[in-house]
Amino acid sequence: MELGKITPLHLQTLYSHKLENGRIDGKGGLSRRTVKTMHKIIHCALEKAVKWQIVAKNVADSVESPKADKFEAKFLNEAQTNLLIERAKNTEIYIPVIIGIYTGMRRGEILGLSWDNINLDKGFIKVVQALYATTQGLQFLSPKTKSSIRTIAIPDSLIKILKRHRINQLENMLKLGEIYEKNNMVCTYNDGKLFNPKRFSHKFNELLSKNKLPLIRFHDLRHSHASLLVKLGIKPKAISARLGHSNISITMDLYSHLYEDTDKEVANMFDTLIKVNRLTKRLTKTKITNFSIDKGSEKCYYIYCYRQMRTWRNWQTRWS
């Protein structure tokens, strides 16, 4: 069909069809988010056609794109994360899993990580490439966005794990000789061969299923990492930079519900602080005598807080 003959109805019909039966395998429709992206591409193309005076107006302006379903990130809690770390040990995917948990890196970024981009002395990883499975085979390509090219600090525990892993790789290299595939990559099989990202995800799902853990995607370890950072009170901007988000709004959209929970905790803590401060002022002027401790007494709690604050003030005086 010629561009000039496209009407808003044509586009609306196209979107409806894609939502109902748009999958190539015939197993249903595409997600609302995918169709919304399709609309953005069509709108952009028609806008260019208007600029070049190929068509008089952009008919996509008259079409309502489907609203994307709100994405809710899935993640493991602390107990599940610790169990995964424990059960992943002595498996061939342990190193990618532990890196994912400790850094929040994407699957391709982890599988494309080279030893040249890890500084074990200073404790950081530089993300400069990612491994993808393409029609031409496995290829190293640039990360998802410009902001994905970043430097990530890593803790001492991960540094120790990577040092041991490097020694194991060198031992395998000497043991296998010419059979070993020398590529200087961090995440490989015992013979040095690279992981195929899709096969790796299958192995990850098997590990979860075997240990009765929630069946999440490997990418969801990224969300697990972020959720723990939120719980620690790390600011959104720092989390955004660590994950390589193109802007902080992505971070807030994904994890806003977690920040709401944290904000409630902060509100309760502030409320307690105000009560304790008010009580302290009253008790400072009042001599406490003959106080009988009642197990359910609110007074008992406040006097405990008062004593704790006096201890804190004494500590401050001693070290200031």
C-alpha atoms as a PDB file:
ATOM      1  CA  MET A   1       0.000   0.000   0.000  1.00  0.00           C
ATOM      2  CA  GLU A   2       1.216   3.504  -0.825  1.00  0.00           C
ATOM      3  CA  LEU A   3       2.053   5.779   2.091  1.00  0.00           C
ATOM      4  CA  GLY A   4      -0.492   8.364   1.006  1.00  0.00           C
ATOM      5  CA  LYS A   5      -3.316   5.815   1.131  1.00  0.00           C
ATOM      6  CA  ILE A   6      -2.716   4.716   4.745  1.00  0.00           C
ATOM      7  CA  THR A   7      -5.528   5.809   7.068  1.00  0.00           C
ATOM      8  CA  PRO A   8      -5.826   5.806  10.876  1.00  0.00           C
ATOM      9  CA  LEU A   9      -8.242   2.884  10.553  1.00  0.00           C
ATOM     10  CA  HIS A  10      -5.559   0.812   8.794  1.00  0.00           C
ATOM     11  CA  LEU A  11      -3.150   1.349  11.689  1.00  0.00           C
ATOM     12  CA  GLN A  12      -5.794   0.694  14.351  1.00  0.00           C
ATOM     13  CA  THR A  13      -6.731  -2.576  12.616  1.00  0.00           C
ATOM     14  CA  LEU A  14      -3.071  -3.558  12.429  1.00  0.00           C
ATOM     15  CA  TYR A  15      -2.545  -2.981  16.159  1.00  0.00           C
ATOM     16  CA  SER A  16      -5.689  -4.922  17.076  1.00  0.00           C
ATOM     17  CA  HIS A  17      -4.565  -7.847  14.916  1.00  0.00           C
ATOM     18  CA  LYS A  18      -1.089  -7.869  16.481  1.00  0.00           C
ATOM     19  CA  LEU A  19      -2.575  -7.864  19.982  1.00  0.00           C
ATOM     20  CA  GLU A  20      -4.873 -10.790  19.184  1.00  0.00           C
ATOM     21  CA  ASN A  21      -2.709 -12.971  16.926  1.00  0.00           C
ATOM     22  CA  GLY A  22       0.597 -11.265  16.228  1.00  0.00           C
ATOM     23  CA  ARG A  23       3.082 -13.946  17.257  1.00  0.00           C
ATOM     24  CA  ILE A  24       5.025 -15.602  14.466  1.00  0.00           C
ATOM     25  CA  ASP A  25       4.556 -19.045  16.028  1.00  0.00           C
ATOM     26  CA  GLY A  26       0.763 -18.537  16.023  1.00  0.00           C
ATOM     27  CA  LYS A  27       0.477 -18.906  19.803  1.00  0.00           C
ATOM     28  CA  GLY A  28      -1.490 -15.744  20.506  1.00  0.00           C
ATOM     29  CA  GLY A  29      -0.877 -12.035  20.382  1.00  0.00           C
ATOM     30  CA  LEU A  30       2.020  -9.720  21.063  1.00  0.00           C
ATOM     31  CA  SER A  31       2.312  -7.849  24.338  1.00  0.00           C
ATOM     32  CA  ARG A  32       0.868  -4.345  24.615  1.00  0.00           C
ATOM     33  CA  ARG A  33       4.388  -3.027  25.211  1.00  0.00           C
ATOM     34  CA  THR A  34       5.598  -4.546  21.911  1.00  0.00           C
ATOM     35  CA  VAL A  35       2.679  -3.088  19.939  1.00  0.00           C
ATOM     36  CA  LYS A  36       3.251   0.283  21.594  1.00  0.00           C
ATOM     37  CA  THR A  37       6.880   0.153  20.403  1.00  0.00           C
ATOM     38  CA  MET A  38       5.644  -0.741  16.926  1.00  0.00           C
ATOM     39  CA  HIS A  39       3.406   2.350  16.972  1.00  0.00           C
ATOM     40  CA  LYS A  40       6.367   4.560  17.958  1.00  0.00           C
ATOM     41  CA  ILE A  41       8.417   3.253  15.027  1.00  0.00           C
ATOM     42  CA  ILE A  42       5.559   3.794  12.548  1.00  0.00           C
ATOM     43  CA  HIS A  43       4.898   7.276  13.920  1.00  0.00           C
ATOM     44  CA  CYS A  44       8.578   8.196  13.610  1.00  0.00           C
ATOM     45  CA  ALA A  45       8.721   6.907  10.011  1.00  0.00           C
ATOM     46  CA  LEU A  46       5.595   8.815   8.987  1.00  0.00           C
ATOM     47  CA  GLU A  47       6.894  11.960  10.690  1.00  0.00           C
ATOM     48  CA  LYS A  48       9.975  11.742   8.486  1.00  0.00           C
ATOM     49  CA  ALA A  49       7.740  11.250   5.437  1.00  0.00           C
ATOM     50  CA  VAL A  50       5.877  14.461   6.315  1.00  0.00           C
ATOM     51  CA  LYS A  51       9.174  16.320   6.682  1.00  0.00           C
ATOM     52  CA  TRP A  52      10.264  15.117   3.241  1.00  0.00           C
ATOM     53  CA  GLN A  53       6.817  16.076   1.851  1.00  0.00           C
ATOM     54  CA  ILE A  54       6.039  12.512   0.768  1.00  0.00           C
ATOM     55  CA  VAL A  55       2.714  12.677   2.640  1.00  0.00           C
ATOM     56  CA  ALA A  56       0.678  15.673   3.815  1.00  0.00           C
ATOM     57  CA  LYS A  57       0.146  14.569   7.417  1.00  0.00           C
ATOM     58  CA  ASN A  58       1.077  11.894   9.924  1.00  0.00           C
ATOM     59  CA  VAL A  59      -1.973   9.641  10.234  1.00  0.00           C
ATOM     60  CA  ALA A  60      -0.411   7.952  13.279  1.00  0.00           C
ATOM     61  CA  ASP A  61      -1.279  11.118  15.229  1.00  0.00           C
ATOM     62  CA  SER A  62      -4.921  10.101  14.999  1.00  0.00           C
ATOM     63  CA  VAL A  63      -4.351   6.588  16.358  1.00  0.00           C
ATOM     64  CA  GLU A  64      -4.245   5.685  20.033  1.00  0.00           C
ATOM     65  CA  SER A  65      -1.427   3.289  20.783  1.00  0.00           C
ATOM     66  CA  PRO A  66      -2.152   0.589  23.359  1.00  0.00           C
ATOM     67  CA  LYS A  67      -1.055   1.423  26.879  1.00  0.00           C
ATOM     68  CA  ALA A  68       1.772  -0.836  27.945  1.00  0.00           C
ATOM     69  CA  ASP A  69       1.064  -3.161  30.850  1.00  0.00           C
ATOM     70  CA  LYS A  70       2.927  -1.979  33.929  1.00  0.00           C
ATOM     71  CA  PHE A  71       5.974  -4.168  34.354  1.00  0.00           C
ATOM     72  CA  GLU A  72       6.531  -5.603  37.814  1.00  0.00           C
ATOM     73  CA  ALA A  73      10.056  -6.870  38.290  1.00  0.00           C
ATOM     74  CA  LYS A  74      10.467 -10.346  39.781  1.00  0.00           C
ATOM     75  CA  PHE A  75      13.303 -10.957  42.178  1.00  0.00           C
ATOM     76  CA  LEU A  76      14.613 -13.301  44.859  1.00  0.00           C
ATOM     77  CA  ASN A  77      14.615 -12.323  48.523  1.00  0.00           C
ATOM     78  CA  GLU A  78      17.702 -12.594  50.749  1.00  0.00           C
ATOM     79  CA  ALA A  79      17.056 -16.201  51.814  1.00  0.00           C
ATOM     80  CA  GLN A  80      16.400 -17.353  48.240  1.00  0.00           C
ATOM     81  CA  THR A  81      19.489 -15.515  46.980  1.00  0.00           C
ATOM     82  CA  ASN A  82      21.689 -17.185  49.591  1.00  0.00           C
ATOM     83  CA  LEU A  83      20.221 -20.581  48.710  1.00  0.00           C
ATOM     84  CA  LEU A  84      20.911 -19.989  45.017  1.00  0.00           C
ATOM     85  CA  ILE A  85      24.536 -19.078  45.757  1.00  0.00           C
ATOM     86  CA  GLU A  86      24.951 -22.233  47.836  1.00  0.00           C
ATOM     87  CA  ARG A  87      23.337 -24.566  45.273  1.00  0.00           C
ATOM     88  CA  ALA A  88      25.116 -22.993  42.303  1.00  0.00           C
ATOM     89  CA  LYS A  89      28.528 -23.873  43.768  1.00  0.00           C
ATOM     90  CA  ASN A  90      30.276 -26.742  41.986  1.00  0.00           C
ATOM     91  CA  THR A  91      28.130 -26.200  38.882  1.00  0.00           C
ATOM     92  CA  GLU A  92      29.478 -24.918  35.570  1.00  0.00           C
ATOM     93  CA  ILE A  93      27.337 -21.775  35.760  1.00  0.00           C
ATOM     94  CA  TYR A  94      28.428 -20.717  39.267  1.00  0.00           C
ATOM     95  CA  ILE A  95      30.668 -17.845  38.139  1.00  0.00           C
ATOM     96  CA  PRO A  96      28.060 -16.130  35.902  1.00  0.00           C
ATOM     97  CA  VAL A  97      25.440 -16.542  38.631  1.00  0.00           C
ATOM     98  CA  ILE A  98      27.603 -15.082  41.403  1.00  0.00           C
ATOM     99  CA  ILE A  99      28.649 -12.155  39.187  1.00  0.00           C
ATOM    100  CA  GLY A 100      24.999 -11.491  38.351  1.00  0.00           C
ATOM    101  CA  ILE A 101      23.997 -11.467  42.016  1.00  0.00           C
ATOM    102  CA  TYR A 102      26.861  -9.214  43.116  1.00  0.00           C
ATOM    103  CA  THR A 103      26.813  -6.719  40.229  1.00  0.00           C
ATOM    104  CA  GLY A 104      23.365  -6.675  38.595  1.00  0.00           C
ATOM    105  CA  MET A 105      24.976  -6.990  35.156  1.00  0.00           C
ATOM    106  CA  ARG A 106      22.967  -8.229  32.182  1.00  0.00           C
ATOM    107  CA  ARG A 107      23.369 -11.779  30.887  1.00  0.00           C
ATOM    108  CA  GLY A 108      25.199 -10.743  27.707  1.00  0.00           C
ATOM    109  CA  GLU A 109      27.479  -8.401  29.659  1.00  0.00           C
ATOM    110  CA  ILE A 110      28.489 -11.197  32.031  1.00  0.00           C
ATOM    111  CA  LEU A 111      29.032 -13.829  29.334  1.00  0.00           C
ATOM    112  CA  GLY A 112      31.001 -11.263  27.308  1.00  0.00           C
ATOM    113  CA  LEU A 113      33.239 -10.280  30.222  1.00  0.00           C
ATOM    114  CA  SER A 114      36.985 -10.505  29.550  1.00  0.00           C
ATOM    115  CA  TRP A 115      39.769 -10.708  32.120  1.00  0.00           C
ATOM    116  CA  ASP A 116      41.171  -7.563  30.483  1.00  0.00           C
ATOM    117  CA  ASN A 117      38.174  -5.698  31.856  1.00  0.00           C
ATOM    118  CA  ILE A 118      38.497  -6.831  35.477  1.00  0.00           C
ATOM    119  CA  ASN A 119      40.880  -5.181  37.936  1.00  0.00           C
ATOM    120  CA  LEU A 120      41.148  -7.559  40.877  1.00  0.00           C
ATOM    121  CA  ASP A 121      43.674  -5.342  42.675  1.00  0.00           C
ATOM    122  CA  LYS A 122      41.481  -2.249  42.746  1.00  0.00           C
ATOM    123  CA  GLY A 123      38.198  -4.166  42.749  1.00  0.00           C
ATOM    124  CA  PHE A 124      36.185  -3.108  39.729  1.00  0.00           C
ATOM    125  CA  ILE A 125      34.701  -4.415  36.475  1.00  0.00           C
ATOM    126  CA  LYS A 126      34.492  -2.404  33.247  1.00  0.00           C
ATOM    127  CA  VAL A 127      31.509  -3.228  31.050  1.00  0.00           C
ATOM    128  CA  VAL A 128      32.502  -2.602  27.431  1.00  0.00           C
ATOM    129  CA  GLN A 129      30.933  -5.451  25.440  1.00  0.00           C
ATOM    130  CA  ALA A 130      28.251  -8.133  25.524  1.00  0.00           C
ATOM    131  CA  LEU A 131      27.948 -11.630  24.044  1.00  0.00           C
ATOM    132  CA  TYR A 132      24.948 -12.264  21.790  1.00  0.00           C
ATOM    133  CA  ALA A 133      23.698 -15.288  19.870  1.00  0.00           C
ATOM    134  CA  THR A 134      23.087 -14.137  16.274  1.00  0.00           C
ATOM    135  CA  THR A 135      22.295 -15.834  12.985  1.00  0.00           C
ATOM    136  CA  GLN A 136      26.056 -15.627  12.283  1.00  0.00           C
ATOM    137  CA  GLY A 137      26.852 -17.378  15.567  1.00  0.00           C
ATOM    138  CA  LEU A 138      28.131 -15.927  18.855  1.00  0.00           C
ATOM    139  CA  GLN A 139      29.262 -12.322  18.513  1.00  0.00           C
ATOM    140  CA  PHE A 140      30.708  -9.678  20.816  1.00  0.00           C
ATOM    141  CA  LEU A 141      28.782  -6.438  20.348  1.00  0.00           C
ATOM    142  CA  SER A 142      28.519  -3.096  22.096  1.00  0.00           C
ATOM    143  CA  PRO A 143      26.308  -3.029  25.205  1.00  0.00           C
ATOM    144  CA  LYS A 144      22.637  -2.084  25.051  1.00  0.00           C
ATOM    145  CA  THR A 145      23.089   1.700  25.434  1.00  0.00           C
ATOM    146  CA  LYS A 146      25.880   4.254  25.930  1.00  0.00           C
ATOM    147  CA  SER A 147      25.121   4.332  29.657  1.00  0.00           C
ATOM    148  CA  SER A 148      25.619   0.550  29.725  1.00  0.00           C
ATOM    149  CA  ILE A 149      29.344   1.156  29.243  1.00  0.00           C
ATOM    150  CA  ARG A 150      30.252   1.633  32.891  1.00  0.00           C
ATOM    151  CA  THR A 151      32.561   0.714  35.762  1.00  0.00           C
ATOM    152  CA  ILE A 152      31.180  -1.381  38.623  1.00  0.00           C
ATOM    153  CA  ALA A 153      32.848  -1.762  42.017  1.00  0.00           C
ATOM    154  CA  ILE A 154      32.969  -5.322  43.375  1.00  0.00           C
ATOM    155  CA  PRO A 155      33.356  -6.491  47.010  1.00  0.00           C
ATOM    156  CA  ASP A 156      36.250  -8.468  48.477  1.00  0.00           C
ATOM    157  CA  SER A 157      34.243 -11.701  48.598  1.00  0.00           C
ATOM    158  CA  LEU A 158      33.653 -11.614  44.830  1.00  0.00           C
ATOM    159  CA  ILE A 159      37.301 -10.705  44.211  1.00  0.00           C
ATOM    160  CA  LYS A 160      38.394 -13.838  46.118  1.00  0.00           C
ATOM    161  CA  ILE A 161      35.985 -16.009  44.128  1.00  0.00           C
ATOM    162  CA  LEU A 162      37.254 -14.606  40.819  1.00  0.00           C
ATOM    163  CA  LYS A 163      40.900 -15.083  41.820  1.00  0.00           C
ATOM    164  CA  ARG A 164      40.251 -18.764  42.621  1.00  0.00           C
ATOM    165  CA  HIS A 165      38.326 -19.119  39.349  1.00  0.00           C
ATOM    166  CA  ARG A 166      41.233 -17.627  37.377  1.00  0.00           C
ATOM    167  CA  ILE A 167      43.630 -20.143  38.933  1.00  0.00           C
ATOM    168  CA  ASN A 168      41.256 -22.994  38.037  1.00  0.00           C
ATOM    169  CA  GLN A 169      41.091 -21.773  34.446  1.00  0.00           C
ATOM    170  CA  LEU A 170      44.900 -21.677  34.153  1.00  0.00           C
ATOM    171  CA  GLU A 171      45.136 -25.193  35.608  1.00  0.00           C
ATOM    172  CA  ASN A 172      42.591 -26.457  33.062  1.00  0.00           C
ATOM    173  CA  MET A 173      44.539 -24.717  30.319  1.00  0.00           C
ATOM    174  CA  LEU A 174      47.736 -26.578  31.287  1.00  0.00           C
ATOM    175  CA  LYS A 175      45.891 -29.866  31.756  1.00  0.00           C
ATOM    176  CA  LEU A 176      43.980 -29.824  28.446  1.00  0.00           C
ATOM    177  CA  GLY A 177      46.701 -28.219  26.317  1.00  0.00           C
ATOM    178  CA  GLU A 178      45.633 -27.609  22.712  1.00  0.00           C
ATOM    179  CA  ILE A 179      42.076 -28.764  23.438  1.00  0.00           C
ATOM    180  CA  TYR A 180      41.544 -25.727  25.654  1.00  0.00           C
ATOM    181  CA  GLU A 181      40.061 -22.744  23.822  1.00  0.00           C
ATOM    182  CA  LYS A 182      42.180 -19.730  24.745  1.00  0.00           C
ATOM    183  CA  ASN A 183      40.028 -16.597  24.606  1.00  0.00           C
ATOM    184  CA  ASN A 184      40.777 -14.789  27.900  1.00  0.00           C
ATOM    185  CA  MET A 185      37.077 -14.810  28.809  1.00  0.00           C
ATOM    186  CA  VAL A 186      35.844 -15.029  32.407  1.00  0.00           C
ATOM    187  CA  CYS A 187      32.720 -17.171  31.944  1.00  0.00           C
ATOM    188  CA  THR A 188      33.516 -20.355  30.048  1.00  0.00           C
ATOM    189  CA  TYR A 189      33.116 -24.105  30.237  1.00  0.00           C
ATOM    190  CA  ASN A 190      36.013 -26.113  31.683  1.00  0.00           C
ATOM    191  CA  ASP A 191      37.527 -26.426  28.191  1.00  0.00           C
ATOM    192  CA  GLY A 192      37.447 -22.645  27.660  1.00  0.00           C
ATOM    193  CA  LYS A 193      34.496 -22.627  25.262  1.00  0.00           C
ATOM    194  CA  LEU A 194      31.999 -19.770  25.493  1.00  0.00           C
ATOM    195  CA  PHE A 195      28.485 -20.141  26.839  1.00  0.00           C
ATOM    196  CA  ASN A 196      25.685 -19.781  24.327  1.00  0.00           C
ATOM    197  CA  PRO A 197      23.356 -17.251  26.036  1.00  0.00           C
ATOM    198  CA  LYS A 198      20.190 -19.233  25.272  1.00  0.00           C
ATOM    199  CA  ARG A 199      21.630 -22.554  26.433  1.00  0.00           C
ATOM    200  CA  PHE A 200      22.995 -20.824  29.506  1.00  0.00           C
ATOM    201  CA  SER A 201      19.502 -19.567  30.406  1.00  0.00           C
ATOM    202  CA  HIS A 202      18.201 -23.118  30.041  1.00  0.00           C
ATOM    203  CA  LYS A 203      20.852 -24.382  32.485  1.00  0.00           C
ATOM    204  CA  PHE A 204      19.936 -21.572  34.891  1.00  0.00           C
ATOM    205  CA  ASN A 205      16.250 -22.592  34.776  1.00  0.00           C
ATOM    206  CA  GLU A 206      17.237 -26.199  35.475  1.00  0.00           C
ATOM    207  CA  LEU A 207      19.197 -25.077  38.539  1.00  0.00           C
ATOM    208  CA  LEU A 208      16.201 -23.153  39.881  1.00  0.00           C
ATOM    209  CA  SER A 209      13.770 -25.990  39.212  1.00  0.00           C
ATOM    210  CA  LYS A 210      16.044 -28.599  40.802  1.00  0.00           C
ATOM    211  CA  ASN A 211      16.301 -26.575  44.012  1.00  0.00           C
ATOM    212  CA  LYS A 212      12.626 -25.498  44.100  1.00  0.00           C
ATOM    213  CA  LEU A 213      13.427 -21.818  43.723  1.00  0.00           C
ATOM    214  CA  PRO A 214      11.082 -19.365  41.944  1.00  0.00           C
ATOM    215  CA  LEU A 215      11.388 -19.791  38.175  1.00  0.00           C
ATOM    216  CA  ILE A 216      12.736 -16.358  37.310  1.00  0.00           C
ATOM    217  CA  ARG A 217      14.769 -15.301  34.286  1.00  0.00           C
ATOM    218  CA  PHE A 218      18.514 -14.852  34.674  1.00  0.00           C
ATOM    219  CA  HIS A 219      17.855 -11.158  33.954  1.00  0.00           C
ATOM    220  CA  ASP A 220      15.791 -11.078  37.148  1.00  0.00           C
ATOM    221  CA  LEU A 221      18.988 -11.494  39.189  1.00  0.00           C
ATOM    222  CA  ARG A 222      19.543  -7.919  38.065  1.00  0.00           C
ATOM    223  CA  HIS A 223      16.264  -6.954  39.738  1.00  0.00           C
ATOM    224  CA  SER A 224      17.207  -9.005  42.815  1.00  0.00           C
ATOM    225  CA  HIS A 225      20.462  -7.054  43.073  1.00  0.00           C
ATOM    226  CA  ALA A 226      18.609  -3.743  42.760  1.00  0.00           C
ATOM    227  CA  SER A 227      15.958  -4.713  45.333  1.00  0.00           C
ATOM    228  CA  LEU A 228      18.655  -5.467  47.909  1.00  0.00           C
ATOM    229  CA  LEU A 229      20.312  -2.114  47.198  1.00  0.00           C
ATOM    230  CA  VAL A 230      16.967  -0.358  47.752  1.00  0.00           C
ATOM    231  CA  LYS A 231      16.555  -2.204  51.044  1.00  0.00           C
ATOM    232  CA  LEU A 232      20.008  -0.982  52.096  1.00  0.00           C
ATOM    233  CA  GLY A 233      18.850   2.581  51.482  1.00  0.00           C
ATOM    234  CA  ILE A 234      21.016   3.249  48.421  1.00  0.00           C
ATOM    235  CA  LYS A 235      19.873   6.299  46.447  1.00  0.00           C
ATOM    236  CA  PRO A 236      18.146   5.734  43.068  1.00  0.00           C
ATOM    237  CA  LYS A 237      20.824   7.684  41.183  1.00  0.00           C
ATOM    238  CA  ALA A 238      23.573   5.364  42.453  1.00  0.00           C
ATOM    239  CA  ILE A 239      21.515   2.271  41.585  1.00  0.00           C
ATOM    240  CA  SER A 240      20.767   3.663  38.123  1.00  0.00           C
ATOM    241  CA  ALA A 241      24.475   4.226  37.434  1.00  0.00           C
ATOM    242  CA  ARG A 242      25.410   0.758  38.696  1.00  0.00           C
ATOM    243  CA  LEU A 243      22.798  -0.951  36.515  1.00  0.00           C
ATOM    244  CA  GLY A 244      23.624   1.182  33.474  1.00  0.00           C
ATOM    245  CA  HIS A 245      20.135   2.619  33.001  1.00  0.00           C
ATOM    246  CA  SER A 246      19.931   5.369  30.396  1.00  0.00           C
ATOM    247  CA  ASN A 247      18.106   7.616  32.871  1.00  0.00           C
ATOM    248  CA  ILE A 248      16.974   7.525  36.481  1.00  0.00           C
ATOM    249  CA  SER A 249      13.274   7.401  35.513  1.00  0.00           C
ATOM    250  CA  ILE A 250      13.754   3.782  34.380  1.00  0.00           C
ATOM    251  CA  THR A 251      15.073   2.894  37.822  1.00  0.00           C
ATOM    252  CA  MET A 252      12.163   4.617  39.551  1.00  0.00           C
ATOM    253  CA  ASP A 253       9.574   2.998  37.249  1.00  0.00           C
ATOM    254  CA  LEU A 254      10.963  -0.467  37.986  1.00  0.00           C
ATOM    255  CA  TYR A 255      11.508  -0.140  41.721  1.00  0.00           C
ATOM    256  CA  SER A 256       9.160   2.634  42.887  1.00  0.00           C
ATOM    257  CA  HIS A 257       7.056   0.142  44.914  1.00  0.00           C
ATOM    258  CA  LEU A 258      10.179  -0.872  46.833  1.00  0.00           C
ATOM    259  CA  TYR A 259      10.950   2.744  47.641  1.00  0.00           C
ATOM    260  CA  GLU A 260       7.380   3.153  48.933  1.00  0.00           C
ATOM    261  CA  ASP A 261       7.983   0.340  51.446  1.00  0.00           C
ATOM    262  CA  THR A 262      11.311   1.859  52.478  1.00  0.00           C
ATOM    263  CA  ASP A 263       9.703   5.281  52.864  1.00  0.00           C
ATOM    264  CA  LYS A 264       7.120   3.800  55.248  1.00  0.00           C
ATOM    265  CA  GLU A 265       9.939   2.402  57.407  1.00  0.00           C
ATOM    266  CA  VAL A 266      11.623   5.822  57.425  1.00  0.00           C
ATOM    267  CA  ALA A 267       8.350   7.462  58.493  1.00  0.00           C
ATOM    268  CA  ASN A 268       7.964   5.040  61.411  1.00  0.00           C
ATOM    269  CA  MET A 269      11.580   5.551  62.484  1.00  0.00           C
ATOM    270  CA  PHE A 270      11.115   9.334  62.383  1.00  0.00           C
ATOM    271  CA  ASP A 271       7.952   9.028  64.470  1.00  0.00           C
ATOM    272  CA  THR A 272       9.834   7.011  67.096  1.00  0.00           C
ATOM    273  CA  LEU A 273      12.671   9.532  67.111  1.00  0.00           C
ATOM    274  CA  ILE A 274      10.285  12.435  67.759  1.00  0.00           C
ATOM    275  CA  LYS A 275       8.585  10.554  70.607  1.00  0.00           C
ATOM    276  CA  VAL A 276      11.904   9.633  72.204  1.00  0.00           C
ATOM    277  CA  ASN A 277      13.206  13.202  71.945  1.00  0.00           C
ATOM    278  CA  ARG A 278      10.057  14.593  73.577  1.00  0.00           C
ATOM    279  CA  LEU A 279      10.245  11.975  76.319  1.00  0.00           C
ATOM    280  CA  THR A 280      13.914  12.718  76.899  1.00  0.00           C
ATOM    281  CA  LYS A 281      13.174  16.393  77.547  1.00  0.00           C
ATOM    282  CA  ARG A 282      10.526  15.464  80.108  1.00  0.00           C
ATOM    283  CA  LEU A 283      12.624  12.844  81.849  1.00  0.00           C
ATOM    284  CA  THR A 284      15.671  15.126  81.973  1.00  0.00           C
ATOM    285  CA  LYS A 285      13.673  17.389  84.289  1.00  0.00           C
ATOM    286  CA  THR A 286      12.181  14.503  86.265  1.00  0.00           C
ATOM    287  CA  LYS A 287      14.033  12.210  88.648  1.00  0.00           C
ATOM    288  CA  ILE A 288      12.945   8.634  88.090  1.00  0.00           C
ATOM    289  CA  THR A 289      12.419   6.731  91.358  1.00  0.00           C
ATOM    290  CA  ASN A 290      10.610   3.560  92.401  1.00  0.00           C
ATOM    291  CA  PHE A 291       9.825   2.532  88.818  1.00  0.00           C
ATOM    292  CA  SER A 292       8.354  -0.952  88.648  1.00  0.00           C
ATOM    293  CA  ILE A 293       8.925  -2.723  85.319  1.00  0.00           C
ATOM    294  CA  ASP A 294       5.707  -3.920  83.807  1.00  0.00           C
ATOM    295  CA  LYS A 295       6.199  -6.333  80.880  1.00  0.00           C
ATOM    296  CA  GLY A 296       3.524  -4.677  78.755  1.00  0.00           C
ATOM    297  CA  SER A 297       4.115  -1.126  79.900  1.00  0.00           C
ATOM    298  CA  GLU A 298       4.723   1.577  77.312  1.00  0.00           C
ATOM    299  CA  LYS A 299       6.627   3.510  79.986  1.00  0.00           C
ATOM    300  CA  CYS A 300       9.153   0.692  80.194  1.00  0.00           C
ATOM    301  CA  TYR A 301       9.880   1.045  76.474  1.00  0.00           C
ATOM    302  CA  TYR A 302      10.306   4.802  76.649  1.00  0.00           C
ATOM    303  CA  ILE A 303      12.637   4.610  79.665  1.00  0.00           C
ATOM    304  CA  TYR A 304      14.690   2.036  77.794  1.00  0.00           C
ATOM    305  CA  CYS A 305      14.915   4.493  74.869  1.00  0.00           C
ATOM    306  CA  TYR A 306      15.856   7.252  77.307  1.00  0.00           C
ATOM    307  CA  ARG A 307      18.708   5.200  78.738  1.00  0.00           C
ATOM    308  CA  GLN A 308      19.886   4.255  75.263  1.00  0.00           C
ATOM    309  CA  MET A 309      19.995   7.912  74.277  1.00  0.00           C
ATOM    310  CA  ARG A 310      21.924   8.827  77.426  1.00  0.00           C
ATOM    311  CA  THR A 311      24.441   6.102  76.562  1.00  0.00           C
ATOM    312  CA  TRP A 312      24.685   7.473  73.035  1.00  0.00           C
ATOM    313  CA  ARG A 313      25.283  11.004  74.292  1.00  0.00           C
ATOM    314  CA  ASN A 314      28.006   9.770  76.665  1.00  0.00           C
ATOM    315  CA  TRP A 315      29.644   7.980  73.748  1.00  0.00           C
ATOM    316  CA  GLN A 316      29.471  11.128  71.642  1.00  0.00           C
ATOM    317  CA  THR A 317      31.086  13.194  74.429  1.00  0.00           C
ATOM    318  CA  ARG A 318      33.855  10.645  74.846  1.00  0.00           C
ATOM    319  CA  TRP A 319      34.823  10.511  71.170  1.00  0.00           C
ATOM    320  CA  SER A 320      34.049  14.031  69.977  1.00  0.00           C
END
